[in-house]
Protein backbone atom coordinates (compact mmCIF):
# COMPACT_ATOMS: atom_id res chain seq x y z
CA MET A 1 202.89 35.55 120.21
CA THR A 2 204.52 33.60 117.74
CA GLU A 3 203.80 32.93 114.20
CA LYS A 4 203.16 29.32 114.66
CA SER A 5 200.32 30.03 117.49
CA GLN A 6 199.04 32.59 114.79
CA ASP A 7 198.87 30.22 112.59
CA GLU A 8 196.73 27.47 114.95
CA SER A 9 194.25 30.47 115.80
CA ILE A 10 193.56 31.09 112.13
CA GLU A 11 192.85 27.58 111.48
CA THR A 12 190.53 26.73 114.73
CA MET A 13 188.53 29.97 113.92
CA PRO A 14 184.82 28.88 114.86
CA ASP A 15 182.45 28.69 111.76
CA SER A 16 180.46 31.63 113.26
CA GLU A 17 182.98 33.73 113.12
CA THR A 18 183.98 32.97 109.47
CA SER A 19 180.72 33.48 108.34
CA ALA A 20 180.15 36.66 110.07
CA GLU A 21 183.22 38.15 108.07
CA GLU A 22 181.82 36.61 104.64
CA ALA A 23 178.60 38.66 105.91
CA GLU A 24 180.73 42.09 106.56
CA ALA A 25 182.31 42.22 103.55
CA PRO A 26 179.80 43.10 100.75
CA HIS A 27 179.26 45.90 103.41
CA ALA A 28 182.35 46.78 103.13
CA ALA A 29 182.43 46.69 99.71
CA THR A 30 179.68 48.66 98.86
CA GLU A 31 180.79 51.06 101.13
CA ASP A 32 184.04 51.34 101.24
CA GLY A 33 185.34 49.95 98.03
CA PRO A 34 186.31 46.08 97.46
CA ALA A 35 186.42 44.54 100.39
CA GLU A 36 189.91 43.10 101.08
CA SER A 37 191.21 39.25 100.77
CA ASP A 38 192.85 37.51 104.21
CA ALA A 39 195.84 37.29 102.87
CA ASP A 40 196.09 40.83 101.36
CA GLN A 41 195.21 42.22 105.06
CA ARG A 42 197.64 39.68 106.87
CA ALA A 43 200.22 40.70 104.28
CA SER A 44 199.87 44.57 105.12
CA ASP A 45 200.28 43.32 109.05
CA GLY A 46 203.57 41.87 108.26
CA ASP A 47 202.26 38.59 109.55
CA ALA A 48 202.02 36.74 106.42
CA PRO A 49 203.41 33.07 106.67
CA ALA A 50 206.48 32.69 104.53
CA ASP A 51 204.79 30.11 102.10
CA ASP A 52 203.00 32.90 99.77
CA SER A 53 201.76 30.30 97.38
CA SER A 54 199.75 28.11 100.37
CA ALA A 55 198.31 31.28 101.05
CA ALA A 56 197.01 32.36 97.80
CA VAL A 57 195.45 28.97 97.30
CA ASP A 58 193.25 28.97 101.06
CA THR A 59 192.62 32.81 100.44
CA ALA A 60 191.52 32.13 96.79
CA ASP A 61 188.46 29.56 98.32
CA ASP A 62 187.51 31.86 101.21
CA ALA A 63 187.55 35.45 98.97
CA PRO A 64 184.57 36.75 98.15
CA ALA A 65 182.91 37.38 94.55
CA PRO A 66 183.87 40.73 93.00
CA SER A 67 181.03 42.83 93.18
CA VAL A 68 179.75 44.89 90.11
CA VAL A 69 179.88 48.19 89.53
CA ARG A 70 177.02 49.43 87.84
CA SER A 71 176.84 53.01 85.97
CA SER A 72 174.30 55.74 86.83
CA GLN A 73 171.80 56.37 84.80
CA PRO A 74 170.03 59.91 84.38
CA THR A 75 166.87 60.57 86.19
CA PRO A 76 164.31 60.95 83.87
CA ALA A 77 162.17 64.71 83.65
CA ARG A 78 159.18 64.66 85.38
CA PRO A 79 156.20 65.87 83.54
CA ILE A 80 155.01 69.41 84.04
CA ALA A 81 151.53 69.60 85.57
CA THR A 82 149.67 72.08 83.52
CA GLU A 83 148.11 74.74 85.77
CA GLY A 84 144.34 74.40 86.08
CA GLY A 85 144.51 70.54 85.86
CA HIS A 86 143.63 70.06 82.36
CA ASP A 87 145.48 69.80 79.28
CA GLN A 88 146.01 72.50 77.33
CA SER A 89 144.65 71.63 73.98
CA GLY A 90 141.72 72.56 71.73
CA LEU A 91 141.20 76.68 70.58
CA SER A 92 143.15 78.09 73.62
CA GLY A 93 146.20 75.49 72.74
CA PHE A 94 145.95 76.97 69.48
CA PHE A 95 145.74 80.31 70.08
CA ASP A 96 148.80 79.85 72.66
CA ASN A 97 151.32 78.86 69.92
CA LEU A 98 149.74 80.55 66.74
CA ASP A 99 152.37 83.01 66.49
CA GLU A 100 155.18 80.55 66.43
CA LYS A 101 153.36 78.91 63.76
CA PHE A 102 153.48 82.02 61.38
CA PHE A 103 157.18 82.93 62.38
CA ALA A 104 157.89 79.39 61.25
CA ALA A 105 155.81 79.17 58.24
CA ALA A 106 157.44 82.75 57.50
CA ARG A 107 161.11 81.14 57.74
CA ARG A 108 160.15 78.59 55.49
CA LEU A 109 158.91 81.37 52.99
CA GLY A 110 161.46 82.92 53.11
CA ASP A 111 163.98 79.81 52.76
CA ALA A 112 162.31 79.49 49.39
CA PHE A 113 163.12 82.35 47.98
CA ARG A 114 166.56 82.69 48.94
CA ARG A 115 169.58 82.11 47.09
CA PRO A 116 172.10 79.54 48.36
CA ASP A 117 175.99 80.24 49.66
CA PRO A 118 178.26 78.39 47.39
CA THR A 119 180.90 78.82 50.31
CA ALA A 120 178.37 77.12 52.71
CA GLU A 121 177.66 74.26 50.73
CA ALA A 122 181.38 73.61 50.21
CA GLU A 123 182.20 73.62 54.26
CA SER A 124 179.01 71.91 54.95
CA THR A 125 180.24 68.73 52.46
CA THR A 126 183.77 68.83 53.79
CA THR A 127 182.41 68.83 57.54
CA GLU A 128 182.12 65.62 59.50
CA GLU A 129 178.79 64.42 60.61
CA LYS A 130 177.87 64.92 64.37
CA THR A 131 175.88 62.85 66.70
CA PRO A 132 172.36 64.50 67.88
CA GLU A 133 172.50 63.38 71.68
CA ASP A 134 176.09 65.19 72.72
CA GLY A 135 177.62 66.75 69.38
CA ASN A 136 180.62 64.12 69.15
CA THR A 137 182.28 64.25 66.11
CA VAL A 138 181.87 60.60 64.52
CA ASP A 139 183.55 59.94 61.03
CA SER A 140 180.76 58.10 59.07
CA ASP A 141 182.94 55.51 57.64
CA GLN A 142 183.69 54.38 60.94
CA ILE A 143 180.40 54.06 62.19
CA PRO A 144 179.05 50.25 62.31
CA VAL A 145 176.02 49.55 59.87
CA GLU A 146 173.33 47.59 61.15
CA GLY A 147 170.77 45.42 59.00
CA PRO A 148 171.31 43.27 56.35
CA LEU A 149 174.46 45.13 55.14
CA GLU A 150 175.98 44.49 58.36
CA ASP A 151 179.96 42.95 58.21
CA PRO A 152 179.87 40.58 61.16
CA GLU A 153 183.92 40.45 61.34
CA ARG A 154 183.97 44.08 61.39
CA ARG A 155 181.49 44.04 63.84
CA GLY A 156 183.34 41.33 66.27
CA ALA A 157 186.85 43.91 65.69
CA GLU A 158 185.19 46.81 66.82
CA GLN A 159 183.67 45.48 69.79
CA GLN A 160 186.94 43.93 70.93
CA SER A 161 188.75 46.96 70.04
CA SER A 162 186.24 49.21 72.18
CA ARG A 163 186.68 46.56 75.20
CA PRO A 164 188.61 48.28 78.10
CA THR A 165 191.91 46.56 79.12
CA PRO A 166 192.57 46.01 82.66
CA SER A 167 194.85 48.17 84.06
CA ALA A 168 198.15 46.85 86.39
CA GLY A 169 196.83 48.14 89.47
CA ASP A 170 193.54 46.04 89.08
CA ASP A 171 193.78 42.31 90.44
CA ALA A 172 197.49 42.61 90.45
CA ASP A 173 197.49 38.76 91.83
CA VAL A 174 195.66 36.99 88.94
CA GLU A 175 197.69 36.39 86.03
CA GLY A 176 196.91 34.88 82.42
CA PRO A 177 193.64 35.12 80.89
CA LEU A 178 190.06 36.60 82.50
CA THR A 179 188.37 34.06 84.60
CA GLU A 180 184.43 33.57 83.91
CA THR A 181 183.28 34.70 87.23
CA GLN A 182 185.31 38.64 85.90
CA ALA A 183 183.95 37.84 82.69
CA GLU A 184 180.63 37.83 83.74
CA HIS A 185 180.88 40.74 85.62
CA GLU A 186 182.55 42.65 83.17
CA PRO A 187 180.95 46.22 82.57
CA ALA A 188 179.57 46.15 78.66
CA PRO A 189 181.43 48.89 76.61
CA VAL A 190 180.10 52.31 76.11
CA THR A 191 179.18 53.10 72.45
CA LEU A 192 178.18 56.18 70.94
CA PRO A 193 175.45 56.64 69.36
CA LYS A 194 175.24 55.92 65.79
CA PRO A 195 173.09 58.18 63.20
CA ARG A 196 171.41 55.26 61.64
CA ARG A 197 168.87 57.53 59.91
CA ALA A 198 171.37 59.58 58.04
CA LEU A 199 172.86 56.58 56.70
CA ASP A 200 169.37 54.52 55.69
CA GLU A 201 168.58 57.79 53.99
CA ARG A 202 171.92 57.68 52.42
CA ARG A 203 171.11 53.68 51.21
CA GLN A 204 167.76 54.44 49.60
CA ARG A 205 169.06 57.40 47.46
CA ASP A 206 171.51 55.36 46.19
CA VAL A 207 169.45 52.44 45.28
CA ILE A 208 166.79 54.89 43.37
CA LEU A 209 169.58 56.71 41.99
CA GLU A 210 170.67 53.34 40.67
CA LYS A 211 167.37 52.28 39.72
CA ALA A 212 166.53 55.46 37.57
CA ALA A 213 170.56 55.37 35.62
CA ALA A 214 169.04 51.77 34.73
CA ILE A 215 165.58 53.16 33.45
CA GLU A 216 167.31 56.00 31.68
CA ALA A 217 169.67 53.45 29.82
CA ALA A 218 166.78 51.03 28.87
CA THR A 219 164.93 54.72 27.49
CA ALA A 220 167.52 55.61 25.35
CA ARG A 221 167.61 52.28 23.81
CA ASN A 222 164.47 53.16 22.91
CA TYR A 223 165.02 56.26 20.49
CA ARG A 224 166.62 55.83 17.00
CA PRO A 225 169.02 58.97 16.33
CA THR A 226 166.62 60.50 14.06
CA GLY A 227 164.69 60.93 17.33
CA ARG A 228 161.43 58.72 15.70
CA GLU A 229 160.10 56.14 18.44
CA PHE A 230 159.94 52.76 17.34
CA VAL A 231 158.63 49.53 19.00
CA GLU A 232 160.57 47.12 20.93
CA PHE A 233 159.16 43.30 21.04
CA ALA A 234 159.75 41.14 23.89
CA ASP A 235 162.16 38.61 22.24
CA ASP A 236 162.73 35.99 25.64
CA GLU A 237 160.61 35.74 28.72
CA GLU A 238 163.31 38.08 30.75
CA ASP A 239 161.85 41.53 28.58
CA LEU A 240 158.61 40.61 29.70
CA PHE A 241 159.59 42.07 33.31
CA THR A 242 161.15 45.08 31.41
CA TYR A 243 159.08 48.24 31.98
CA ILE A 244 160.64 51.03 29.40
CA PRO A 245 158.16 54.23 30.56
CA PRO A 246 156.91 56.06 26.96
CA TYR A 247 157.99 59.37 28.30
CA ASN A 248 161.76 61.17 29.16
CA LEU A 249 162.49 60.92 32.81
CA PRO A 250 163.00 63.97 35.42
CA SER A 251 166.87 65.10 34.49
CA ARG A 252 168.81 64.58 37.73
CA ASP A 253 171.44 67.02 36.25
CA PRO A 254 172.19 69.78 38.69
CA ASP A 255 170.89 73.47 37.17
CA PRO A 256 173.36 75.65 35.33
CA ALA A 257 174.13 78.93 36.74
CA PRO A 258 171.78 81.54 36.76
CA VAL A 259 172.69 84.33 34.21
CA ARG A 260 171.66 87.84 33.38
CA THR A 261 169.17 86.23 30.87
CA ASP A 262 167.30 84.57 34.04
CA LEU A 263 166.62 87.61 35.70
CA TYR A 264 164.90 88.85 32.36
CA ARG A 265 163.09 86.28 31.97
CA GLN A 266 161.64 86.16 35.63
CA VAL A 267 160.67 89.78 34.70
CA PHE A 268 158.80 89.04 31.75
CA VAL A 269 156.95 86.41 33.17
CA SER A 270 155.72 88.56 36.20
CA ILE A 271 154.90 91.35 33.42
CA GLY A 272 152.78 88.85 31.61
CA ALA A 273 150.95 87.87 34.70
CA LEU A 274 150.14 91.13 35.61
CA ALA A 275 148.91 91.43 32.10
CA ALA A 276 146.62 88.70 32.73
CA LEU A 277 145.14 89.90 35.74
CA ILE A 278 144.61 93.34 33.90
CA SER A 279 142.90 91.44 31.25
CA LEU A 280 140.58 90.00 33.46
CA GLY A 281 139.91 93.20 35.19
CA TRP A 282 139.30 95.06 31.72
CA MET A 283 136.60 91.82 30.70
CA PHE A 284 134.43 92.50 34.63
CA GLY A 285 134.32 95.85 33.57
CA MET A 286 136.88 97.75 35.92
CA PHE A 287 138.68 99.87 33.37
CA THR A 288 136.23 101.05 30.92
CA SER A 289 132.46 102.31 30.56
CA ALA A 290 131.49 99.81 28.35
CA PRO A 291 129.55 96.97 29.77
CA ALA A 292 131.58 93.73 30.91
CA ILE A 293 132.38 90.63 29.23
CA LEU A 294 132.27 88.67 32.40
CA GLY A 295 128.67 89.07 34.19
CA GLY A 296 127.21 91.38 31.59
CA ASN A 297 126.03 90.89 28.16
CA GLY A 298 129.37 92.71 26.63
CA LEU A 299 129.84 90.24 23.87
CA ASP A 300 126.58 91.28 22.46
CA GLU A 301 127.30 94.86 22.31
CA LEU A 302 130.93 95.02 21.88
CA ALA A 303 132.58 93.94 18.20
CA GLU A 304 129.81 94.53 16.87
CA GLY A 305 128.31 91.14 18.67
CA TRP A 306 130.47 88.85 16.65
CA TYR A 307 132.17 87.16 19.82
CA SER A 308 128.47 86.90 21.28
CA GLY A 309 128.22 82.97 19.85
CA ASN A 310 125.41 83.96 17.10
CA ARG A 311 127.05 84.96 14.39
CA ALA A 312 129.51 82.39 13.62
CA LEU A 313 129.75 78.38 12.95
CA LEU A 314 132.63 77.90 15.59
CA SER A 315 132.28 80.70 17.92
CA PRO A 316 130.85 79.46 21.52
CA GLU A 317 128.83 81.26 24.03
CA ALA A 318 129.46 83.93 26.62
CA ASN A 319 130.03 81.74 29.37
CA PHE A 320 132.89 80.25 27.70
CA TYR A 321 135.01 83.18 29.25
CA TRP A 322 134.39 82.22 32.21
CA LEU A 323 137.20 79.48 32.55
CA TRP A 324 139.79 83.17 32.32
CA PRO A 325 140.04 83.88 35.83
CA PHE A 326 141.24 80.37 37.06
CA ILE A 327 143.68 80.49 34.52
CA VAL A 328 144.64 84.17 35.57
CA ILE A 329 145.23 82.74 38.89
CA GLY A 330 147.25 79.87 37.71
CA LEU A 331 149.72 82.35 36.05
CA LEU A 332 150.12 84.66 39.14
CA ALA A 333 151.36 81.47 40.94
CA HIS A 334 153.58 80.20 38.20
CA ALA A 335 154.95 83.72 38.10
CA VAL A 336 155.55 83.87 42.06
CA PHE A 337 157.20 80.11 41.70
CA GLN A 338 159.79 80.87 38.64
CA TRP A 339 161.31 83.17 41.39
CA THR A 340 162.00 80.46 43.75
CA THR A 341 165.86 79.48 44.30
CA THR A 342 164.59 75.64 42.23
CA GLN A 343 163.42 77.58 39.37
CA THR A 344 165.84 79.96 38.57
CA ALA A 345 167.97 78.88 36.26
CA THR A 346 166.29 75.37 35.43
CA PRO A 347 165.99 74.76 31.71
CA ARG A 348 162.30 73.82 31.79
CA GLN A 349 161.75 77.22 32.59
CA ARG A 350 164.91 78.91 30.54
CA ARG A 351 162.36 77.24 27.46
CA SER A 352 158.68 77.98 28.62
CA GLY A 353 159.10 80.67 30.41
CA TRP A 354 159.06 83.41 27.58
CA GLN A 355 156.10 81.50 25.82
CA VAL A 356 154.02 81.64 28.68
CA GLY A 357 154.74 84.93 29.73
CA SER A 358 153.95 86.05 25.81
CA ALA A 359 150.68 84.55 25.75
CA SER A 360 149.73 86.23 29.03
CA VAL A 361 150.51 89.60 27.15
CA LEU A 362 148.67 88.59 24.15
CA MET A 363 145.69 87.86 25.86
CA LEU A 364 145.44 91.71 26.99
CA ILE A 365 145.83 92.67 23.25
CA TRP A 366 143.15 90.21 22.97
CA THR A 367 140.60 91.89 25.30
CA ALA A 368 141.42 95.52 23.92
CA SER A 369 141.13 94.72 20.29
CA ILE A 370 137.29 93.34 21.03
CA HIS A 371 137.06 96.38 23.32
CA THR A 372 138.32 98.73 20.31
CA GLY A 373 136.60 96.47 17.87
CA MET A 374 139.62 95.58 15.95
CA LEU A 375 138.84 91.74 14.73
CA THR A 376 142.23 91.29 12.78
CA LEU A 377 144.51 91.89 15.45
CA ALA A 378 142.12 90.16 17.85
CA VAL A 379 142.38 86.89 15.54
CA LEU A 380 146.37 87.60 15.28
CA ALA A 381 146.66 87.67 19.23
CA ALA A 382 144.49 84.91 19.82
CA LEU A 383 146.55 82.41 17.06
CA ALA A 384 150.28 83.69 18.41
CA ALA A 385 149.12 82.64 21.89
CA ALA A 386 147.81 79.01 20.84
CA LEU A 387 151.05 78.77 19.11
CA ALA A 388 153.26 80.03 21.96
CA LEU A 389 151.27 77.96 24.45
CA ILE A 390 151.40 74.92 22.20
CA ASP A 391 155.41 75.19 21.99
CA ALA A 392 155.73 75.89 26.17
CA ILE A 393 153.71 72.13 26.04
CA ARG A 394 156.63 70.67 23.99
CA GLN A 395 159.52 71.92 25.98
CA PHE A 396 157.78 70.25 29.10
CA THR A 397 157.20 67.45 27.02
CA PHE A 398 161.21 67.14 26.23
CA ARG A 399 161.75 67.87 30.39
CA THR A 400 159.58 66.43 32.52
CA ALA A 401 158.79 67.91 36.05
CA ARG A 402 160.82 66.43 38.59
CA ASN A 403 158.31 66.97 41.46
CA SER A 404 154.59 67.46 41.93
CA LEU A 405 155.09 71.00 43.08
CA GLU A 406 156.74 71.61 39.93
CA ARG A 407 153.88 69.76 37.45
CA ARG A 408 151.11 71.76 39.66
CA LEU A 409 152.36 75.23 39.24
CA ALA A 410 153.97 74.89 35.55
CA ASP A 411 152.59 72.14 33.92
CA THR A 412 148.96 72.48 35.19
CA THR A 413 148.11 75.69 34.67
CA THR A 414 149.94 75.97 30.92
CA GLY A 415 148.05 72.69 30.02
CA LEU A 416 144.23 74.38 30.97
CA PHE A 417 146.10 77.57 29.34
CA ALA A 418 146.96 75.84 25.94
CA GLY A 419 143.81 73.97 25.89
CA TRP A 420 141.22 77.16 26.36
CA ALA A 421 143.48 78.72 23.62
CA LEU A 422 143.33 76.32 20.91
CA VAL A 423 139.29 77.16 21.41
CA ALA A 424 139.91 80.77 21.81
CA ALA A 425 141.70 81.11 18.52
CA MET A 426 139.41 78.67 16.28
CA SER A 427 136.49 80.68 17.52
CA SER A 428 138.07 84.02 16.30
CA LEU A 429 139.45 82.83 13.05
CA SER A 430 135.86 81.47 12.17
CA ILE A 431 134.24 84.67 13.49
CA TRP A 432 136.91 86.57 11.15
CA LEU A 433 136.50 84.97 8.30
CA THR A 434 133.25 85.10 8.65
CA ALA A 435 132.97 89.13 9.18
CA MET A 436 135.49 89.43 6.19
CA GLY A 437 133.37 87.37 3.95
CA TRP A 438 135.55 84.62 2.85
CA HIS A 439 134.38 81.81 0.49
CA ILE A 440 134.87 79.09 -2.06
CA PRO A 441 132.11 78.65 -4.11
CA GLY A 442 131.31 74.75 -3.78
CA PHE A 443 132.54 74.25 -0.34
CA PRO A 444 130.00 75.63 2.19
CA ALA A 445 130.75 76.86 5.33
CA VAL A 446 130.04 73.87 7.30
CA ILE A 447 132.69 71.91 5.84
CA TRP A 448 135.47 74.83 6.85
CA ALA A 449 133.94 74.04 10.37
CA LEU A 450 134.22 70.78 10.30
CA ILE A 451 137.62 71.11 8.71
CA GLY A 452 138.79 73.57 11.76
CA LEU A 453 137.35 71.53 14.24
CA GLY A 454 139.02 68.50 13.51
CA ILE A 455 142.21 70.41 13.68
CA CYS A 456 141.69 71.85 16.90
CA ILE A 457 140.72 68.14 18.22
CA TRP A 458 143.61 66.58 16.80
CA ALA A 459 146.16 68.97 18.06
CA ALA A 460 144.79 68.80 21.66
CA SER A 461 145.08 65.42 21.46
CA TYR A 462 148.55 64.89 20.44
CA TYR A 463 149.75 66.91 22.73
CA ALA A 464 147.53 66.11 25.71
CA MET A 465 148.37 62.21 25.06
CA THR A 466 152.46 63.62 25.90
CA GLU A 467 154.00 62.68 29.00
CA ARG A 468 151.81 60.51 31.17
CA GLY A 469 148.99 62.43 30.21
CA ARG A 470 148.08 66.19 30.34
CA ILE A 471 144.34 65.82 31.89
CA THR A 472 144.46 69.81 32.14
CA LEU A 473 144.94 70.36 28.86
CA ALA A 474 142.28 67.80 27.31
CA LEU A 475 139.57 69.74 30.26
CA GLY A 476 140.15 73.22 28.87
CA MET A 477 139.70 72.08 25.09
CA GLY A 478 136.80 69.93 26.50
CA TRP A 479 135.23 73.37 28.24
CA GLY A 480 135.50 75.01 25.21
CA MET A 481 133.61 72.36 23.04
CA PHE A 482 130.83 72.26 25.75
CA TRP A 483 129.92 75.67 24.97
CA LEU A 484 130.00 75.19 21.44
CA ILE A 485 127.14 72.56 21.70
CA PHE A 486 124.30 74.77 22.94
CA PRO A 487 125.25 77.92 20.35
CA ARG A 488 124.59 75.64 17.71
CA ILE A 489 121.63 74.12 18.12
CA LEU A 490 119.70 77.19 19.70
CA SER A 491 120.94 79.98 17.98
CA ASP A 492 120.17 81.57 14.71
CA VAL A 493 123.58 80.27 12.87
CA THR A 494 122.64 76.48 13.66
CA SER A 495 124.49 73.39 12.61
CA VAL A 496 124.35 69.88 13.53
CA TRP A 497 126.85 68.67 12.14
CA VAL A 498 129.04 71.22 14.48
CA ALA A 499 127.69 70.39 17.52
CA LEU A 500 127.94 66.32 17.48
CA CYS A 501 131.53 67.05 16.19
CA ALA A 502 132.56 69.35 19.08
CA ALA A 503 130.83 67.24 21.89
CA MET A 504 132.10 63.94 20.35
CA GLY A 505 135.79 65.85 19.89
CA ALA A 506 135.91 66.77 23.78
CA PHE A 507 134.57 63.09 24.88
CA VAL A 508 137.34 61.50 22.83
CA VAL A 509 140.41 63.88 23.94
CA ILE A 510 139.28 63.50 27.43
CA LEU A 511 138.93 59.63 26.67
CA ALA A 512 142.42 59.32 25.07
CA THR A 513 143.98 61.42 27.70
CA GLU A 514 142.83 59.68 30.58
CA SER A 515 143.29 55.90 29.12
CA ARG A 516 146.90 56.98 28.58
CA ARG A 517 147.17 57.48 32.24
CA HIS A 518 145.59 54.58 32.97
CA LYS A 519 147.84 52.32 30.89
CA ILE A 520 151.06 54.22 32.54
CA ASN A 521 149.96 53.74 36.10
CA HIS A 522 148.73 50.11 35.61
CA ALA A 523 152.27 49.03 33.94
CA GLU A 524 154.12 50.87 36.59
CA ARG A 525 152.33 49.31 39.09
CA ARG A 526 153.09 45.08 37.98
CA ALA A 527 156.51 46.54 37.34
CA ALA A 528 156.87 47.39 41.42
CA MET A 529 154.99 44.07 41.84
CA GLY A 530 157.57 41.92 39.89
CA ARG A 531 154.98 40.67 37.13
CA PRO A 532 154.91 40.41 33.99
CA LEU A 533 153.98 43.67 31.66
CA GLU A 534 151.01 43.38 29.37
CA ASP A 535 151.39 45.05 25.71
CA ILE A 536 149.59 47.93 26.29
CA ILE A 537 151.62 50.61 25.76
């Protein structure tokens, strides 16, 4: 058959056959790949007409649209049905994974006491970030940031660069830019998962550090070189919205490298906690045949009954010493906490650890003095313990706790111990002066008792109102003042003035401390909401 007759037969083909071929074309594309056009088929058989441009125009109208190749998605995992047709919850489920919970808690506890490896930290800082799904390394500087800080030009450039370019074999007969039909059916670019959570946490840390640096700079301007604090008044409207905290902010400087003295301090604090535990057992009557101080009438017989509360004006009732067991528990927790890696070489522990350990050992000496009747040694040990704890509170004020755990295990325990020790030192001094028969003509004993009571209340209120308000110190002192009221009213040595001053002193110290805490919290909330600050601090 000649070429002319073939062209005529193709042009006179019925519409039914053409539609049948068009109907079969999609099936062929889906089964064997993309369907070939009529022009390509004729070219392969060698029967293509001489005019290639006219053939391309005729086939462009009859060619089917390119098929869309969809990427396959992984089949989701089927949920595993539980045996028995019911959920493993309740008491049985709790005991099934009890061993896993135990080992996880043991690992966390071990990590708290494990010293960090400096070489491992250096390697971790130099390694690249990895995606959580496939583990491919991705540079954090090249990951596009989504959200309000996103750069539109950078995101458009990255999407354009990630778009795949057509190869020479695909659509060889098409020249120039892609058509609208091909652009619509072009597969979407494949992007790697982005660790947004790490970037968000890093951005939040940067914002917090900037705010902390601004507050520290404002706080530094609020102190003279001599160390005396002065008050700045708002000169313009902007100063009404600036909040300057009335205490030192936590230090963000890294801890110094551990030295040998840090190990000595840790051992000494642990020895002090054990000494306090021995003192507690001695008060319960474990190591002696004498009656117990706690749970017995030991104070009525030991040291000739001077500490029973019925011989001196400032001696509290025997129930005053029931706070000592709770202080011992706090000292044991503090001793364990200072062995953790976060407290090994902190300046707070270096300054206060020796004082807290010394006060614990001195309380053991005080207990031994009471059992042996050595009143002079007892008063010296009580005064030294109170002074050591006051100095520890001063060190805590200069260096604020960096987190809530450090505040609870260090500041709370030391504050409660300091408030209780102030009353113990005051009562020991009053008992010793009364036992020695010291008196000054013209000055009755009540005057000296009120002077000693005023000094104790002033010291407790002064240090209880440091930092954000040390409520535990105020509560420790209030506990002692409460058990000083009843002996001054019901015992043989009575004094209404001492009872009233003790009650009012405890109330004033607790109220002043709580007032400071409320004012600071109120000012910080108003500053966080962007409201003008009140001149309340």
